[in-house]
Each structure stands twice: as structure tokens, then as C-alpha cells.
Amino acid sequence: MRSVFCFLVVLLLTQPQLSADIVISGYMANPGGTDSPFEYVQLVATKNIDFAVTNYSLVVANNGVATSNGWVSGGSLTYKFNMTSGTVNRGDVFYVGGSGKLINGSASTDISSQNWIRAINTGTTGGDGFGNSSSAGVVGNGGANADGIAVFSGISLTSSSKPLDALFYGTGVGNSKPASGGYVMPDNDRYSNAQGTFGNGTNTFVFGDPATTAYTKLTGTYNLNTNSWDVARTGSFVTAPTSLGDISSGIVLFSSVPEPSSLLGLGFVASLGMLHRVRRRLLIKK
């Protein structure tokens, strides 16, 4: 019992440092009408972030035939958005994507009041560091050669950079898997970095192929204590969304342990009292 109590002390006073600070919760890959600049990705923060202090980036892949450079291929294949300003708190939903900031393409509902950490006129402006502008859109529409989205820590990426989170969607892997190299995968609910790049080993999962006007809403449970997914994400389509309620996040952040800062706010004596109560409950259960 003492060992259990000591474990709880350590767990309460320290939190794991390696985590997916940002997870993907949805995306509009194929809005009504002309795609640019109306495509976007919805994200959820799993920690408080000041992007001016700690930079992140998001890369979208619009695959024809992938190259060995994977996420940093650039050109018409991949496009990068840097996240270098703005703030979010743990649990906040925010957006990255085209400067149109409309829910479903031209003349649809204005969602510019939401927290947009990075927006680019993708129809006329290249990506941050790589990626060509395109009036037809820079976020792929899926299909036989799966398209992808990835979030990275930092803005200086190489072909071997490991994403914090990533996913692919379409009807199959197809030419998204080159002969060598390719899209480096994270360790998340659907992929394993140890299995190699996308298309290798078990890294073949794809979310559904989005039709025109279909927003892909992801649902799952991310455990903040273990920095892993208790419930793997699944996707569903919301056809022609018109309100923020239609695209509300389906990602649940689970935490059974108070943040260390909240314990410190209680004061040392109060924190010990909390730990003592936890120990009493364990003794009673025993």
C-alpha cells in the first residue's frame, strides 16, 4: 500500500512531458465551390500554448505521386502553415487554413470570429517555407491516393521530422507510399512510428473519403495522464454545415488527476491533505 501511495504522490506532483500538444479534430477538405481559400483544419490544444514562444506548424498533403521527402516535398504535394502567434488554453478549439474563414466555401457562414492561429490566402500565396498556391485548393480531397494532415513541433522541418499528430483520408494508400522514404508517422491512435512511413506495416489506416461540402468530424478520447488515446478517433461526415454547432469538436480530453499547479495553489499542507484522503480511500477499498 505504501508503494501505491508513493506512486500517487509522484503522479500528482509530476506530469508526463511528452505529449501530442495539439490533436486534429476535424477538417473541411472539399468545401462547396472553389476550394481556395476556404479549406481549413480544426485542432484541439491539450496544453496551454503561446505560439509566439513555442512554435508549431501544420502540413497538408495533396497527393498525386508522393516523393521520398514526404511532408516536406513542397510544390503541389505539400503545403505548410506556421503557427507563430496567438494563444490557446488546454481544451481550446482553434483553426488553421485558408483566409476565407467560411464554414463551407463561398457565401457560407462566416466563422472568422473563431480562434484562427494561422490563415493564408492559399489561392494566391505559397505556404510558409514550402507549398505552391492553388485556386483548386491545397488540402487534398482524398481519393485513391490518400491525402494527409500533420501537426509538428517547431517550424524547421526535414524529411525525417516526426509529427505530433497526423492522419490520412481517402479510399486507399495508393501512390501516397513512395518506393522509399515518405510520410513519417506519429505514435497516435491510428499509426505507429516504429512501423515506418505511411503505407508500411500497419500504417495503412485511412479515414473516409470526403465528398464535396462534407466536413469530417472526428470523435475520440485523449488521455492527458497517459498522453495516449483511450478511444481511437473515428470520422463522420457533416454534409453542408451551416453553424458552429455542426462542426463542434468531438474530441474529449480526459484527466483523472489534478494539474500540479492546482496542487501548488492549494498550498503544501492542503496538498498533503488531499493525498491523505486518496490514501484513505485506497485503504477503505482494500
C-alpha atoms as a PDB file:
ATOM      1  CA  MET A   1       0.000   0.000   0.000  1.00  0.00           C
ATOM      2  CA  ARG A   2       2.883   2.378   0.769  1.00  0.00           C
ATOM      3  CA  SER A   3       4.244   1.839  -2.737  1.00  0.00           C
ATOM      4  CA  VAL A   4       0.839   2.710  -4.191  1.00  0.00           C
ATOM      5  CA  PHE A   5       0.712   5.879  -2.103  1.00  0.00           C
ATOM      6  CA  CYS A   6       4.221   6.890  -3.196  1.00  0.00           C
ATOM      7  CA  PHE A   7       3.233   6.327  -6.801  1.00  0.00           C
ATOM      8  CA  LEU A   8       0.247   8.633  -6.347  1.00  0.00           C
ATOM      9  CA  VAL A   9       2.480  11.320  -4.834  1.00  0.00           C
ATOM     10  CA  VAL A  10       4.769  11.198  -7.848  1.00  0.00           C
ATOM     11  CA  LEU A  11       1.816  11.153 -10.251  1.00  0.00           C
ATOM     12  CA  LEU A  12       0.168  14.129  -8.598  1.00  0.00           C
ATOM     13  CA  LEU A  13       3.298  16.256  -8.428  1.00  0.00           C
ATOM     14  CA  THR A  14       4.722  15.456 -11.863  1.00  0.00           C
ATOM     15  CA  GLN A  15       3.108  15.180 -15.273  1.00  0.00           C
ATOM     16  CA  PRO A  16       4.451  13.468 -18.384  1.00  0.00           C
ATOM     17  CA  GLN A  17       6.287  15.900 -20.673  1.00  0.00           C
ATOM     18  CA  LEU A  18       5.964  14.062 -23.975  1.00  0.00           C
ATOM     19  CA  SER A  19       2.525  14.511 -25.438  1.00  0.00           C
ATOM     20  CA  ALA A  20       0.596  15.473 -28.531  1.00  0.00           C
ATOM     21  CA  ASP A  21       0.287  19.140 -27.573  1.00  0.00           C
ATOM     22  CA  ILE A  22      -2.167  19.582 -30.445  1.00  0.00           C
ATOM     23  CA  VAL A  23      -4.530  16.983 -31.911  1.00  0.00           C
ATOM     24  CA  ILE A  24      -6.544  17.064 -35.121  1.00  0.00           C
ATOM     25  CA  SER A  25     -10.306  17.141 -34.513  1.00  0.00           C
ATOM     26  CA  GLY A  26     -11.769  17.800 -37.955  1.00  0.00           C
ATOM     27  CA  TYR A  27     -11.233  19.258 -41.412  1.00  0.00           C
ATOM     28  CA  MET A  28     -13.009  20.793 -44.380  1.00  0.00           C
ATOM     29  CA  ALA A  29     -11.062  19.342 -47.288  1.00  0.00           C
ATOM     30  CA  ASN A  30     -13.586  19.859 -50.060  1.00  0.00           C
ATOM     31  CA  PRO A  31     -15.799  22.928 -49.486  1.00  0.00           C
ATOM     32  CA  GLY A  32     -18.573  23.950 -51.836  1.00  0.00           C
ATOM     33  CA  GLY A  33     -17.434  25.838 -54.931  1.00  0.00           C
ATOM     34  CA  THR A  34     -13.807  26.843 -55.400  1.00  0.00           C
ATOM     35  CA  ASP A  35     -11.700  25.248 -52.676  1.00  0.00           C
ATOM     36  CA  SER A  36      -9.238  28.094 -52.038  1.00  0.00           C
ATOM     37  CA  PRO A  37      -9.115  29.931 -49.729  1.00  0.00           C
ATOM     38  CA  PHE A  38     -11.869  28.103 -47.853  1.00  0.00           C
ATOM     39  CA  GLU A  39     -10.261  24.833 -46.709  1.00  0.00           C
ATOM     40  CA  TYR A  40      -9.412  24.510 -43.034  1.00  0.00           C
ATOM     41  CA  VAL A  41      -8.363  22.163 -40.238  1.00  0.00           C
ATOM     42  CA  GLN A  42      -9.870  22.188 -36.749  1.00  0.00           C
ATOM     43  CA  LEU A  43      -7.492  21.445 -33.871  1.00  0.00           C
ATOM     44  CA  VAL A  44      -7.659  20.972 -30.099  1.00  0.00           C
ATOM     45  CA  ALA A  45      -4.915  22.026 -27.674  1.00  0.00           C
ATOM     46  CA  THR A  46      -4.021  19.532 -24.949  1.00  0.00           C
ATOM     47  CA  LYS A  47      -1.985  22.162 -23.055  1.00  0.00           C
ATOM     48  CA  ASN A  48      -1.747  25.934 -22.742  1.00  0.00           C
ATOM     49  CA  ILE A  49       0.272  27.316 -25.667  1.00  0.00           C
ATOM     50  CA  ASP A  50       1.665  30.741 -26.510  1.00  0.00           C
ATOM     51  CA  PHE A  51       2.608  30.237 -30.153  1.00  0.00           C
ATOM     52  CA  ALA A  52       4.943  33.242 -30.141  1.00  0.00           C
ATOM     53  CA  VAL A  53       7.038  31.453 -27.513  1.00  0.00           C
ATOM     54  CA  THR A  54       6.621  27.863 -28.709  1.00  0.00           C
ATOM     55  CA  ASN A  55       6.164  27.487 -32.449  1.00  0.00           C
ATOM     56  CA  TYR A  56       4.287  24.719 -34.229  1.00  0.00           C
ATOM     57  CA  SER A  57       3.406  24.003 -37.838  1.00  0.00           C
ATOM     58  CA  LEU A  58       0.745  22.193 -39.807  1.00  0.00           C
ATOM     59  CA  VAL A  59       1.311  20.483 -43.146  1.00  0.00           C
ATOM     60  CA  VAL A  60      -1.358  19.283 -45.575  1.00  0.00           C
ATOM     61  CA  ALA A  61      -0.682  16.759 -48.321  1.00  0.00           C
ATOM     62  CA  ASN A  62      -2.444  16.789 -51.689  1.00  0.00           C
ATOM     63  CA  ASN A  63      -1.081  13.637 -53.227  1.00  0.00           C
ATOM     64  CA  GLY A  64      -0.616  12.622 -56.788  1.00  0.00           C
ATOM     65  CA  VAL A  65       2.539  10.556 -56.566  1.00  0.00           C
ATOM     66  CA  ALA A  66       4.316  11.064 -53.227  1.00  0.00           C
ATOM     67  CA  THR A  67       8.067  11.556 -53.021  1.00  0.00           C
ATOM     68  CA  SER A  68      10.646  10.245 -50.586  1.00  0.00           C
ATOM     69  CA  ASN A  69      10.619  13.673 -48.892  1.00  0.00           C
ATOM     70  CA  GLY A  70       7.112  13.084 -47.527  1.00  0.00           C
ATOM     71  CA  TRP A  71       5.760  16.029 -45.533  1.00  0.00           C
ATOM     72  CA  VAL A  72       8.410  18.462 -46.829  1.00  0.00           C
ATOM     73  CA  SER A  73       8.006  17.639 -50.532  1.00  0.00           C
ATOM     74  CA  GLY A  74       6.518  21.075 -51.231  1.00  0.00           C
ATOM     75  CA  GLY A  75       5.404  22.099 -54.716  1.00  0.00           C
ATOM     76  CA  SER A  76       1.895  20.877 -55.434  1.00  0.00           C
ATOM     77  CA  LEU A  77       2.211  17.970 -52.995  1.00  0.00           C
ATOM     78  CA  THR A  78       2.520  19.541 -49.534  1.00  0.00           C
ATOM     79  CA  TYR A  79       1.806  22.975 -48.076  1.00  0.00           C
ATOM     80  CA  LYS A  80       2.893  24.334 -44.678  1.00  0.00           C
ATOM     81  CA  PHE A  81       1.227  26.711 -42.233  1.00  0.00           C
ATOM     82  CA  ASN A  82       3.425  28.108 -39.436  1.00  0.00           C
ATOM     83  CA  MET A  83       1.815  28.759 -36.052  1.00  0.00           C
ATOM     84  CA  THR A  84       3.913  31.545 -34.534  1.00  0.00           C
ATOM     85  CA  SER A  85       1.426  33.909 -32.897  1.00  0.00           C
ATOM     86  CA  GLY A  86      -1.721  33.732 -30.795  1.00  0.00           C
ATOM     87  CA  THR A  87      -2.567  31.701 -27.710  1.00  0.00           C
ATOM     88  CA  VAL A  88      -4.757  28.773 -26.702  1.00  0.00           C
ATOM     89  CA  ASN A  89      -5.596  27.117 -23.405  1.00  0.00           C
ATOM     90  CA  ARG A  90      -5.861  23.413 -22.801  1.00  0.00           C
ATOM     91  CA  GLY A  91      -9.097  22.158 -24.333  1.00  0.00           C
ATOM     92  CA  ASP A  92      -9.489  25.103 -26.707  1.00  0.00           C
ATOM     93  CA  VAL A  93     -10.591  24.518 -30.281  1.00  0.00           C
ATOM     94  CA  PHE A  94      -8.783  26.553 -32.932  1.00  0.00           C
ATOM     95  CA  TYR A  95      -8.323  26.692 -36.692  1.00  0.00           C
ATOM     96  CA  VAL A  96      -5.632  26.766 -39.361  1.00  0.00           C
ATOM     97  CA  GLY A  97      -6.342  27.135 -43.062  1.00  0.00           C
ATOM     98  CA  GLY A  98      -7.495  29.447 -45.820  1.00  0.00           C
ATOM     99  CA  SER A  99      -8.113  33.135 -45.267  1.00  0.00           C
ATOM    100  CA  GLY A 100     -11.756  32.872 -46.357  1.00  0.00           C
ATOM    101  CA  LYS A 101     -12.753  31.708 -42.853  1.00  0.00           C
ATOM    102  CA  LEU A 102     -16.142  30.461 -44.017  1.00  0.00           C
ATOM    103  CA  ILE A 103     -17.701  27.204 -42.867  1.00  0.00           C
ATOM    104  CA  ASN A 104     -18.348  25.674 -46.295  1.00  0.00           C
ATOM    105  CA  GLY A 105     -16.921  27.710 -49.126  1.00  0.00           C
ATOM    106  CA  SER A 106     -18.004  30.948 -50.766  1.00  0.00           C
ATOM    107  CA  ALA A 107     -21.215  32.573 -49.489  1.00  0.00           C
ATOM    108  CA  SER A 108     -21.486  30.217 -46.490  1.00  0.00           C
ATOM    109  CA  THR A 109     -21.498  31.043 -42.759  1.00  0.00           C
ATOM    110  CA  ASP A 110     -18.743  33.356 -41.521  1.00  0.00           C
ATOM    111  CA  ILE A 111     -16.619  31.682 -38.801  1.00  0.00           C
ATOM    112  CA  SER A 112     -13.919  34.359 -38.643  1.00  0.00           C
ATOM    113  CA  SER A 113     -14.848  35.057 -35.003  1.00  0.00           C
ATOM    114  CA  GLN A 114     -13.249  31.755 -34.016  1.00  0.00           C
ATOM    115  CA  ASN A 115      -9.620  31.461 -32.941  1.00  0.00           C
ATOM    116  CA  TRP A 116      -7.648  31.299 -36.202  1.00  0.00           C
ATOM    117  CA  ILE A 117      -3.996  30.776 -35.347  1.00  0.00           C
ATOM    118  CA  ARG A 118      -2.870  30.875 -38.976  1.00  0.00           C
ATOM    119  CA  ALA A 119      -4.762  31.732 -42.154  1.00  0.00           C
ATOM    120  CA  ILE A 120      -3.317  32.176 -45.662  1.00  0.00           C
ATOM    121  CA  ASN A 121      -4.918  33.073 -48.972  1.00  0.00           C
ATOM    122  CA  THR A 122      -3.950  29.693 -50.372  1.00  0.00           C
ATOM    123  CA  GLY A 123      -5.259  30.599 -53.823  1.00  0.00           C
ATOM    124  CA  THR A 124      -2.645  33.311 -54.323  1.00  0.00           C
ATOM    125  CA  THR A 125       0.045  32.765 -51.676  1.00  0.00           C
ATOM    126  CA  GLY A 126       2.508  29.941 -51.178  1.00  0.00           C
ATOM    127  CA  GLY A 127       2.928  28.110 -47.906  1.00  0.00           C
ATOM    128  CA  ASP A 128       5.211  29.088 -45.041  1.00  0.00           C
ATOM    129  CA  GLY A 129       8.502  27.651 -46.280  1.00  0.00           C
ATOM    130  CA  PHE A 130       7.079  25.314 -48.914  1.00  0.00           C
ATOM    131  CA  GLY A 131       3.961  24.600 -50.937  1.00  0.00           C
ATOM    132  CA  ASN A 132       2.542  26.250 -54.045  1.00  0.00           C
ATOM    133  CA  SER A 133      -0.594  28.358 -54.048  1.00  0.00           C
ATOM    134  CA  SER A 134      -3.554  26.853 -55.887  1.00  0.00           C
ATOM    135  CA  SER A 135      -7.041  28.143 -56.640  1.00  0.00           C
ATOM    136  CA  ALA A 136      -8.124  24.489 -56.720  1.00  0.00           C
ATOM    137  CA  GLY A 137      -7.059  24.074 -53.090  1.00  0.00           C
ATOM    138  CA  VAL A 138      -4.021  22.885 -51.183  1.00  0.00           C
ATOM    139  CA  VAL A 139      -5.805  20.431 -48.873  1.00  0.00           C
ATOM    140  CA  GLY A 140      -6.265  17.199 -50.815  1.00  0.00           C
ATOM    141  CA  ASN A 141      -9.731  15.803 -51.485  1.00  0.00           C
ATOM    142  CA  GLY A 142      -8.791  12.184 -50.746  1.00  0.00           C
ATOM    143  CA  GLY A 143      -9.376   9.527 -53.359  1.00  0.00           C
ATOM    144  CA  ALA A 144      -7.272   6.517 -54.342  1.00  0.00           C
ATOM    145  CA  ASN A 145      -4.027   8.239 -53.306  1.00  0.00           C
ATOM    146  CA  ALA A 146      -4.752   9.158 -49.700  1.00  0.00           C
ATOM    147  CA  ASP A 147      -4.192  12.743 -48.596  1.00  0.00           C
ATOM    148  CA  GLY A 148      -2.919  13.748 -45.175  1.00  0.00           C
ATOM    149  CA  ILE A 149      -2.668  16.332 -42.409  1.00  0.00           C
ATOM    150  CA  ALA A 150       0.117  16.558 -39.832  1.00  0.00           C
ATOM    151  CA  VAL A 151       0.993  18.786 -36.872  1.00  0.00           C
ATOM    152  CA  PHE A 152       4.619  19.349 -35.892  1.00  0.00           C
ATOM    153  CA  SER A 153       6.507  20.922 -33.025  1.00  0.00           C
ATOM    154  CA  GLY A 154       8.564  23.756 -34.483  1.00  0.00           C
ATOM    155  CA  ILE A 155       8.675  25.266 -37.968  1.00  0.00           C
ATOM    156  CA  SER A 156      12.024  23.959 -39.277  1.00  0.00           C
ATOM    157  CA  LEU A 157      11.111  20.596 -40.732  1.00  0.00           C
ATOM    158  CA  THR A 158      13.065  17.911 -42.566  1.00  0.00           C
ATOM    159  CA  SER A 159      12.021  14.711 -44.304  1.00  0.00           C
ATOM    160  CA  SER A 160      12.667  12.827 -41.057  1.00  0.00           C
ATOM    161  CA  SER A 161      10.668  15.145 -38.749  1.00  0.00           C
ATOM    162  CA  LYS A 162       8.159  13.189 -36.651  1.00  0.00           C
ATOM    163  CA  PRO A 163       4.683  14.726 -36.330  1.00  0.00           C
ATOM    164  CA  LEU A 164       2.930  15.202 -33.006  1.00  0.00           C
ATOM    165  CA  ASP A 165      -0.255  14.055 -34.712  1.00  0.00           C
ATOM    166  CA  ALA A 166      -1.207  13.053 -38.251  1.00  0.00           C
ATOM    167  CA  LEU A 167      -3.888  11.304 -40.248  1.00  0.00           C
ATOM    168  CA  PHE A 168      -4.705  10.242 -43.792  1.00  0.00           C
ATOM    169  CA  TYR A 169      -8.046  10.033 -45.575  1.00  0.00           C
ATOM    170  CA  GLY A 170      -9.320   8.708 -48.883  1.00  0.00           C
ATOM    171  CA  THR A 171     -10.107   5.278 -50.300  1.00  0.00           C
ATOM    172  CA  GLY A 172      -6.648   3.716 -50.062  1.00  0.00           C
ATOM    173  CA  VAL A 173      -2.901   4.252 -49.731  1.00  0.00           C
ATOM    174  CA  GLY A 174      -2.189   4.191 -53.464  1.00  0.00           C
ATOM    175  CA  ASN A 175       0.690   6.360 -54.632  1.00  0.00           C
ATOM    176  CA  SER A 176       0.928   8.071 -51.256  1.00  0.00           C
ATOM    177  CA  LYS A 177       3.540   5.433 -50.449  1.00  0.00           C
ATOM    178  CA  PRO A 178       6.705   6.044 -52.481  1.00  0.00           C
ATOM    179  CA  ALA A 179       9.315   3.358 -53.178  1.00  0.00           C
ATOM    180  CA  SER A 180      11.452   4.702 -50.318  1.00  0.00           C
ATOM    181  CA  GLY A 181      11.061   7.310 -47.596  1.00  0.00           C
ATOM    182  CA  GLY A 182       7.717   9.039 -47.497  1.00  0.00           C
ATOM    183  CA  TYR A 183       5.427  10.353 -44.799  1.00  0.00           C
ATOM    184  CA  VAL A 184       6.901   9.923 -41.316  1.00  0.00           C
ATOM    185  CA  MET A 185       4.185   8.865 -38.897  1.00  0.00           C
ATOM    186  CA  PRO A 186       3.499   9.826 -35.270  1.00  0.00           C
ATOM    187  CA  ASP A 187       2.682   7.482 -32.429  1.00  0.00           C
ATOM    188  CA  ASN A 188      -1.040   8.067 -32.046  1.00  0.00           C
ATOM    189  CA  ASP A 189      -4.341   6.216 -32.088  1.00  0.00           C
ATOM    190  CA  ARG A 190      -4.060   5.048 -35.690  1.00  0.00           C
ATOM    191  CA  TYR A 191      -0.360   4.916 -36.549  1.00  0.00           C
ATOM    192  CA  SER A 192       2.992   3.797 -35.167  1.00  0.00           C
ATOM    193  CA  ASN A 193       6.307   5.464 -35.893  1.00  0.00           C
ATOM    194  CA  ALA A 194       8.026   2.120 -35.364  1.00  0.00           C
ATOM    195  CA  GLN A 195       6.059   0.636 -38.276  1.00  0.00           C
ATOM    196  CA  GLY A 196       7.689   3.026 -40.714  1.00  0.00           C
ATOM    197  CA  THR A 197       6.273   5.647 -43.032  1.00  0.00           C
ATOM    198  CA  PHE A 198       2.674   5.810 -44.249  1.00  0.00           C
ATOM    199  CA  GLY A 199       1.696   2.698 -46.184  1.00  0.00           C
ATOM    200  CA  ASN A 200       4.220   0.461 -44.446  1.00  0.00           C
ATOM    201  CA  GLY A 201       3.449  -2.166 -41.805  1.00  0.00           C
ATOM    202  CA  THR A 202       0.207  -1.318 -40.018  1.00  0.00           C
ATOM    203  CA  ASN A 203       0.337   2.339 -41.104  1.00  0.00           C
ATOM    204  CA  THR A 204      -2.384   1.915 -43.710  1.00  0.00           C
ATOM    205  CA  PHE A 205      -5.437   3.338 -41.935  1.00  0.00           C
ATOM    206  CA  VAL A 206      -7.395   5.992 -43.832  1.00  0.00           C
ATOM    207  CA  PHE A 207     -10.391   7.996 -42.686  1.00  0.00           C
ATOM    208  CA  GLY A 208     -13.323   8.234 -45.094  1.00  0.00           C
ATOM    209  CA  ASP A 209     -13.250   9.913 -48.495  1.00  0.00           C
ATOM    210  CA  PRO A 210     -14.959  13.329 -48.123  1.00  0.00           C
ATOM    211  CA  ALA A 211     -17.498  14.344 -50.742  1.00  0.00           C
ATOM    212  CA  THR A 212     -17.942  17.966 -51.787  1.00  0.00           C
ATOM    213  CA  THR A 213     -19.273  20.111 -48.876  1.00  0.00           C
ATOM    214  CA  ALA A 214     -18.625  17.307 -46.345  1.00  0.00           C
ATOM    215  CA  TYR A 215     -16.879  18.378 -43.150  1.00  0.00           C
ATOM    216  CA  THR A 216     -15.063  15.467 -41.499  1.00  0.00           C
ATOM    217  CA  LYS A 217     -15.769  15.466 -37.768  1.00  0.00           C
ATOM    218  CA  LEU A 218     -13.528  13.287 -35.600  1.00  0.00           C
ATOM    219  CA  THR A 219     -14.624  11.738 -32.315  1.00  0.00           C
ATOM    220  CA  GLY A 220     -12.336  10.155 -29.705  1.00  0.00           C
ATOM    221  CA  THR A 221     -10.927  10.419 -26.176  1.00  0.00           C
ATOM    222  CA  TYR A 222      -7.384  11.616 -25.460  1.00  0.00           C
ATOM    223  CA  ASN A 223      -5.984  10.787 -22.011  1.00  0.00           C
ATOM    224  CA  LEU A 224      -3.931  13.655 -20.600  1.00  0.00           C
ATOM    225  CA  ASN A 225      -2.442  11.450 -17.870  1.00  0.00           C
ATOM    226  CA  THR A 226      -1.004   8.857 -20.223  1.00  0.00           C
ATOM    227  CA  ASN A 227      -0.639  11.057 -23.318  1.00  0.00           C
ATOM    228  CA  SER A 228      -2.427   8.420 -25.356  1.00  0.00           C
ATOM    229  CA  TRP A 229      -5.841   7.731 -26.852  1.00  0.00           C
ATOM    230  CA  ASP A 230      -8.309   5.854 -24.641  1.00  0.00           C
ATOM    231  CA  VAL A 231     -10.801   5.824 -27.516  1.00  0.00           C
ATOM    232  CA  ALA A 232      -9.355   5.905 -31.028  1.00  0.00           C
ATOM    233  CA  ARG A 233     -10.707   8.551 -33.362  1.00  0.00           C
ATOM    234  CA  THR A 234     -13.434   7.759 -35.823  1.00  0.00           C
ATOM    235  CA  GLY A 235     -14.718  10.078 -38.512  1.00  0.00           C
ATOM    236  CA  SER A 236     -18.193  11.055 -39.639  1.00  0.00           C
ATOM    237  CA  PHE A 237     -19.324  13.445 -42.355  1.00  0.00           C
ATOM    238  CA  VAL A 238     -21.383  16.561 -41.770  1.00  0.00           C
ATOM    239  CA  THR A 239     -22.797  17.490 -45.168  1.00  0.00           C
ATOM    240  CA  ALA A 240     -23.029  21.210 -45.928  1.00  0.00           C
ATOM    241  CA  PRO A 241     -22.550  22.524 -42.358  1.00  0.00           C
ATOM    242  CA  THR A 242     -24.164  25.879 -41.652  1.00  0.00           C
ATOM    243  CA  SER A 243     -23.407  26.552 -37.986  1.00  0.00           C
ATOM    244  CA  LEU A 244     -20.582  26.139 -35.498  1.00  0.00           C
ATOM    245  CA  GLY A 245     -22.683  23.503 -33.759  1.00  0.00           C
ATOM    246  CA  ASP A 246     -22.433  21.377 -36.898  1.00  0.00           C
ATOM    247  CA  ILE A 247     -18.635  21.269 -36.634  1.00  0.00           C
ATOM    248  CA  SER A 248     -18.267  21.280 -32.844  1.00  0.00           C
ATOM    249  CA  SER A 249     -15.320  19.200 -31.689  1.00  0.00           C
ATOM    250  CA  GLY A 250     -15.969  15.561 -30.832  1.00  0.00           C
ATOM    251  CA  ILE A 251     -12.628  15.134 -29.051  1.00  0.00           C
ATOM    252  CA  VAL A 252     -12.797  14.530 -25.289  1.00  0.00           C
ATOM    253  CA  LEU A 253      -9.765  15.313 -23.122  1.00  0.00           C
ATOM    254  CA  PHE A 254      -9.721  13.001 -20.105  1.00  0.00           C
ATOM    255  CA  SER A 255      -7.813  13.702 -16.896  1.00  0.00           C
ATOM    256  CA  SER A 256      -8.332  11.932 -13.561  1.00  0.00           C
ATOM    257  CA  VAL A 257      -5.502  13.751 -11.781  1.00  0.00           C
ATOM    258  CA  PRO A 258      -5.319  17.473 -10.867  1.00  0.00           C
ATOM    259  CA  GLU A 259      -2.691  19.623 -12.538  1.00  0.00           C
ATOM    260  CA  PRO A 260       0.462  20.155 -10.418  1.00  0.00           C
ATOM    261  CA  SER A 261      -0.228  23.900 -10.460  1.00  0.00           C
ATOM    262  CA  SER A 262      -3.600  23.354  -8.831  1.00  0.00           C
ATOM    263  CA  LEU A 263      -1.960  21.375  -6.034  1.00  0.00           C
ATOM    264  CA  LEU A 264       0.609  24.115  -5.512  1.00  0.00           C
ATOM    265  CA  GLY A 265      -2.200  26.645  -5.395  1.00  0.00           C
ATOM    266  CA  LEU A 266      -3.734  24.722  -2.524  1.00  0.00           C
ATOM    267  CA  GLY A 267      -0.560  25.029  -0.511  1.00  0.00           C
ATOM    268  CA  PHE A 268       1.690  22.276   0.802  1.00  0.00           C
ATOM    269  CA  VAL A 269      -0.474  21.346   3.792  1.00  0.00           C
ATOM    270  CA  ALA A 270      -3.659  21.208   1.740  1.00  0.00           C
ATOM    271  CA  SER A 271      -1.901  19.127  -0.909  1.00  0.00           C
ATOM    272  CA  LEU A 272      -0.804  16.641   1.727  1.00  0.00           C
ATOM    273  CA  GLY A 273      -4.388  16.544   2.972  1.00  0.00           C
ATOM    274  CA  MET A 274      -5.609  15.686  -0.499  1.00  0.00           C
ATOM    275  CA  LEU A 275      -3.033  12.919  -0.792  1.00  0.00           C
ATOM    276  CA  HIS A 276      -4.019  11.629   2.643  1.00  0.00           C
ATOM    277  CA  ARG A 277      -7.664  11.409   1.566  1.00  0.00           C
ATOM    278  CA  VAL A 278      -6.661   9.480  -1.543  1.00  0.00           C
ATOM    279  CA  ARG A 279      -4.679   7.077   0.652  1.00  0.00           C
ATOM    280  CA  ARG A 280      -7.655   6.632   2.990  1.00  0.00           C
ATOM    281  CA  ARG A 281      -9.900   5.738   0.095  1.00  0.00           C
ATOM    282  CA  LEU A 282      -7.393   3.145  -1.060  1.00  0.00           C
ATOM    283  CA  LEU A 283      -7.222   1.651   2.441  1.00  0.00           C
ATOM    284  CA  ILE A 284     -11.020   1.510   2.676  1.00  0.00           C
ATOM    285  CA  LYS A 285     -11.250  -0.213  -0.712  1.00  0.00           C
ATOM    286  CA  LYS A 286      -8.628  -2.702   0.397  1.00  0.00           C
END
